[in-house]
Amino acid sequence: MKNQVSGFAYPRQQQGIALFMSLVILLILTVLGVSSVQTTRMQELMTRNSHDINIAFLAAESAMEDAEALIEGTASIAVFKAADAYKDGLYLEAAYNSASNWSQVDWYASNGFYITAATVVDGVAEPPKYIVEHLKSIVSSEDTLNLDNIGQGTGSGLSEVFRITAYGTGGSAEAHVLIQSTYGKKF
């Protein structure tokens, strides 16, 4: 008698197509998983860098506010005319080229060409710094016709223009921001 169970036929030999298909699907899922991990890591780095740059920008803005407060507290431009004013972060137009490029300067040097901001910014690698340059004196257009200075005291209508350059770092020294602004004040 043969080994047959009634109504049951022995399966044919497998060709291996199910194993091959499952290996291909597993390979595709692995590639997708690795790709999503790399994308997530890249997004995390971009977010961290963006946060670092924002901190550096806030530090530079706080240095800008300190410089504006310094100008407001100054009674005259005599401090800019002092012979060693450039050592204290104050520059007269004639002392430095009016088209200065402060981005080429070493902001980590200790030679004192800048002023360290008094405002403390948490989480920065270096305290914010700034430079103030006196650019020029401007007489407003309505005061240019008042040749004899009638009705006004001497020097009224004269505005002094300053350029402020502020430098801030983020949580790491690699993230840094340099901003410039002009500021005018009547003395």
Protein backbone atom coordinates (compact mmCIF):
# COMPACT_ATOMS: atom_id res chain seq x y z
CA MET A 1 0.00 0.00 0.00
CA LYS A 2 1.23 3.48 -0.84
CA ASN A 3 1.69 6.26 1.71
CA GLN A 4 -1.26 8.32 0.75
CA VAL A 5 -3.80 9.89 2.87
CA SER A 6 -7.09 10.07 1.18
CA GLY A 7 -7.80 13.49 -0.25
CA PHE A 8 -4.33 14.84 0.65
CA ALA A 9 -1.65 15.40 -1.96
CA TYR A 10 2.00 16.05 -1.15
CA PRO A 11 3.09 19.62 -1.98
CA ARG A 12 5.43 20.21 -4.85
CA GLN A 13 8.93 21.28 -4.05
CA GLN A 14 9.20 25.03 -3.14
CA GLN A 15 10.85 27.38 -5.62
CA GLY A 16 11.91 30.02 -2.92
CA ILE A 17 9.99 32.97 -4.35
CA ALA A 18 8.37 33.82 -0.98
CA LEU A 19 11.78 33.96 0.72
CA PHE A 20 13.20 36.18 -2.03
CA MET A 21 10.24 38.61 -1.88
CA SER A 22 10.41 38.91 1.90
CA LEU A 23 14.18 39.63 1.72
CA VAL A 24 13.59 42.36 -0.89
CA ILE A 25 10.84 43.93 1.25
CA LEU A 26 13.11 43.75 4.32
CA LEU A 27 15.91 45.46 2.38
CA ILE A 28 13.57 48.28 1.27
CA LEU A 29 12.35 48.80 4.84
CA THR A 30 15.95 48.91 6.13
CA VAL A 31 16.94 51.55 3.54
CA LEU A 32 13.87 53.64 4.45
CA GLY A 33 14.68 53.35 8.18
CA VAL A 34 18.31 54.38 7.74
CA SER A 35 17.28 57.27 5.50
CA SER A 36 14.74 58.57 8.05
CA VAL A 37 17.34 58.37 10.84
CA GLN A 38 19.80 60.39 8.75
CA THR A 39 17.11 62.96 7.88
CA THR A 40 16.14 63.32 11.53
CA ARG A 41 19.78 63.78 12.54
CA MET A 42 20.28 66.45 9.86
CA GLN A 43 17.14 68.30 10.99
CA GLU A 44 18.35 68.19 14.59
CA LEU A 45 21.71 69.71 13.57
CA MET A 46 20.00 72.45 11.56
CA THR A 47 17.73 73.26 14.51
CA ARG A 48 20.69 73.41 16.89
CA ASN A 49 22.61 75.71 14.52
CA SER A 50 19.58 77.95 14.06
CA HIS A 51 19.18 78.23 17.83
CA ASP A 52 22.90 79.01 18.19
CA ILE A 53 22.69 81.78 15.57
CA ASN A 54 19.60 83.25 17.28
CA ILE A 55 21.51 83.41 20.59
CA ALA A 56 24.43 85.11 18.82
CA PHE A 57 22.06 87.64 17.24
CA LEU A 58 20.46 88.41 20.61
CA ALA A 59 23.93 88.89 22.12
CA ALA A 60 24.89 91.30 19.32
CA GLU A 61 21.62 93.21 19.81
CA SER A 62 22.32 93.56 23.53
CA ALA A 63 25.78 94.96 22.68
CA MET A 64 24.07 97.38 20.28
CA GLU A 65 21.80 98.60 23.10
CA ASP A 66 24.82 99.07 25.39
CA ALA A 67 26.55 101.14 22.69
CA GLU A 68 23.47 103.33 22.25
CA ALA A 69 23.35 103.87 26.02
CA LEU A 70 27.03 104.83 25.94
CA ILE A 71 26.38 107.41 23.22
CA GLU A 72 23.38 108.80 25.11
CA GLY A 73 25.54 109.14 28.23
CA THR A 74 28.26 111.03 26.34
CA ALA A 75 28.18 114.82 26.72
CA SER A 76 30.37 115.64 23.69
CA ILE A 77 32.46 114.03 20.99
CA ALA A 78 35.67 114.99 22.82
CA VAL A 79 36.14 111.38 23.96
CA PHE A 80 36.34 110.36 20.29
CA LYS A 81 39.03 112.96 19.63
CA ALA A 82 41.33 111.69 22.39
CA ALA A 83 44.64 110.34 21.07
CA ASP A 84 44.13 106.86 22.52
CA ALA A 85 40.36 106.62 21.96
CA TYR A 86 40.82 103.80 19.47
CA LYS A 87 42.18 101.64 22.29
CA ASP A 88 38.89 102.00 24.12
CA GLY A 89 36.63 101.03 21.23
CA LEU A 90 35.81 104.62 20.28
CA TYR A 91 36.94 105.80 16.85
CA LEU A 92 36.96 109.11 15.08
CA GLU A 93 36.26 109.10 11.35
CA ALA A 94 39.80 110.27 10.56
CA ALA A 95 41.32 107.57 12.77
CA TYR A 96 39.90 104.73 10.70
CA ASN A 97 38.63 104.42 7.17
CA SER A 98 34.96 105.41 7.06
CA ALA A 99 34.19 102.23 5.12
CA SER A 100 35.66 100.00 7.82
CA ASN A 101 35.34 96.25 7.55
CA TRP A 102 35.19 95.04 11.12
CA SER A 103 34.44 91.46 10.04
CA GLN A 104 38.14 91.05 9.19
CA VAL A 105 39.23 91.89 12.74
CA ASP A 106 40.05 89.33 15.42
CA TRP A 107 37.25 89.85 17.94
CA TYR A 108 38.96 87.48 20.38
CA ALA A 109 42.17 89.54 20.59
CA SER A 110 42.87 91.19 23.90
CA ASN A 111 44.31 94.41 22.47
CA GLY A 112 41.26 96.42 23.57
CA PHE A 113 40.11 97.83 20.24
CA TYR A 114 36.52 96.96 21.26
CA ILE A 115 34.32 97.47 24.30
CA THR A 116 32.91 94.44 26.11
CA ALA A 117 29.20 94.92 26.71
CA ALA A 118 28.06 95.33 30.30
CA THR A 119 24.90 93.34 29.66
CA VAL A 120 25.31 89.68 30.60
CA VAL A 121 23.84 87.21 28.12
CA ASP A 122 23.43 83.66 29.38
CA GLY A 123 24.54 80.73 27.27
CA VAL A 124 27.09 82.49 25.07
CA ALA A 125 30.66 81.36 24.48
CA GLU A 126 32.05 84.92 24.64
CA PRO A 127 30.55 88.14 26.00
CA PRO A 128 29.19 90.51 23.34
CA LYS A 129 31.46 93.32 22.14
CA TYR A 130 31.04 96.55 20.22
CA ILE A 131 32.83 99.46 18.56
CA VAL A 132 31.54 103.02 18.22
CA GLU A 133 32.78 105.26 15.41
CA HIS A 134 32.00 108.96 15.11
CA LEU A 135 31.29 109.43 11.42
CA LYS A 136 30.36 113.08 10.94
CA SER A 137 28.44 116.10 12.12
CA ILE A 138 25.29 117.06 10.24
CA VAL A 139 23.42 120.35 10.32
CA SER A 140 19.72 119.84 9.75
CA SER A 141 18.28 121.52 6.66
CA GLU A 142 16.12 123.99 8.60
CA ASP A 143 19.17 125.17 10.57
CA THR A 144 21.32 125.84 7.51
CA LEU A 145 19.30 129.00 6.74
CA ASN A 146 19.79 130.37 10.26
CA LEU A 147 23.19 131.93 9.53
CA ASP A 148 23.25 134.27 12.51
CA ASN A 149 21.96 131.60 14.90
CA ILE A 150 19.01 133.81 15.80
CA GLY A 151 16.74 132.34 18.43
CA GLN A 152 18.97 129.35 19.13
CA GLY A 153 21.99 128.67 21.26
CA THR A 154 25.35 127.87 19.72
CA GLY A 155 25.52 124.42 18.18
CA SER A 156 21.82 123.63 18.26
CA GLY A 157 20.63 121.82 15.20
CA LEU A 158 23.95 119.99 14.93
CA SER A 159 23.57 116.21 14.97
CA GLU A 160 26.44 113.82 15.47
CA VAL A 161 26.28 110.55 13.52
CA PHE A 162 27.84 107.38 14.87
CA ARG A 163 28.28 103.89 13.45
CA ILE A 164 27.95 101.06 15.92
CA THR A 165 29.38 97.63 15.11
CA ALA A 166 28.28 94.87 17.48
CA TYR A 167 29.64 91.33 17.66
CA GLY A 168 27.92 88.43 19.42
CA THR A 169 28.63 84.72 19.74
CA GLY A 170 26.21 81.90 20.33
CA GLY A 171 26.54 78.86 22.58
CA SER A 172 29.63 77.88 20.60
CA ALA A 173 32.39 80.11 19.25
CA GLU A 174 31.58 78.94 15.70
CA ALA A 175 28.26 80.78 15.72
CA HIS A 176 28.85 84.52 15.54
CA VAL A 177 26.91 87.52 14.29
CA LEU A 178 28.17 90.97 13.31
CA ILE A 179 25.62 93.77 12.97
CA GLN A 180 26.03 97.48 12.21
CA SER A 181 23.78 100.42 12.80
CA THR A 182 23.97 104.18 12.58
CA TYR A 183 22.89 106.33 15.48
CA GLY A 184 22.41 110.07 15.66
CA LYS A 185 22.41 112.37 18.66
CA LYS A 186 22.13 116.10 19.16
CA PHE A 187 24.53 117.37 21.81
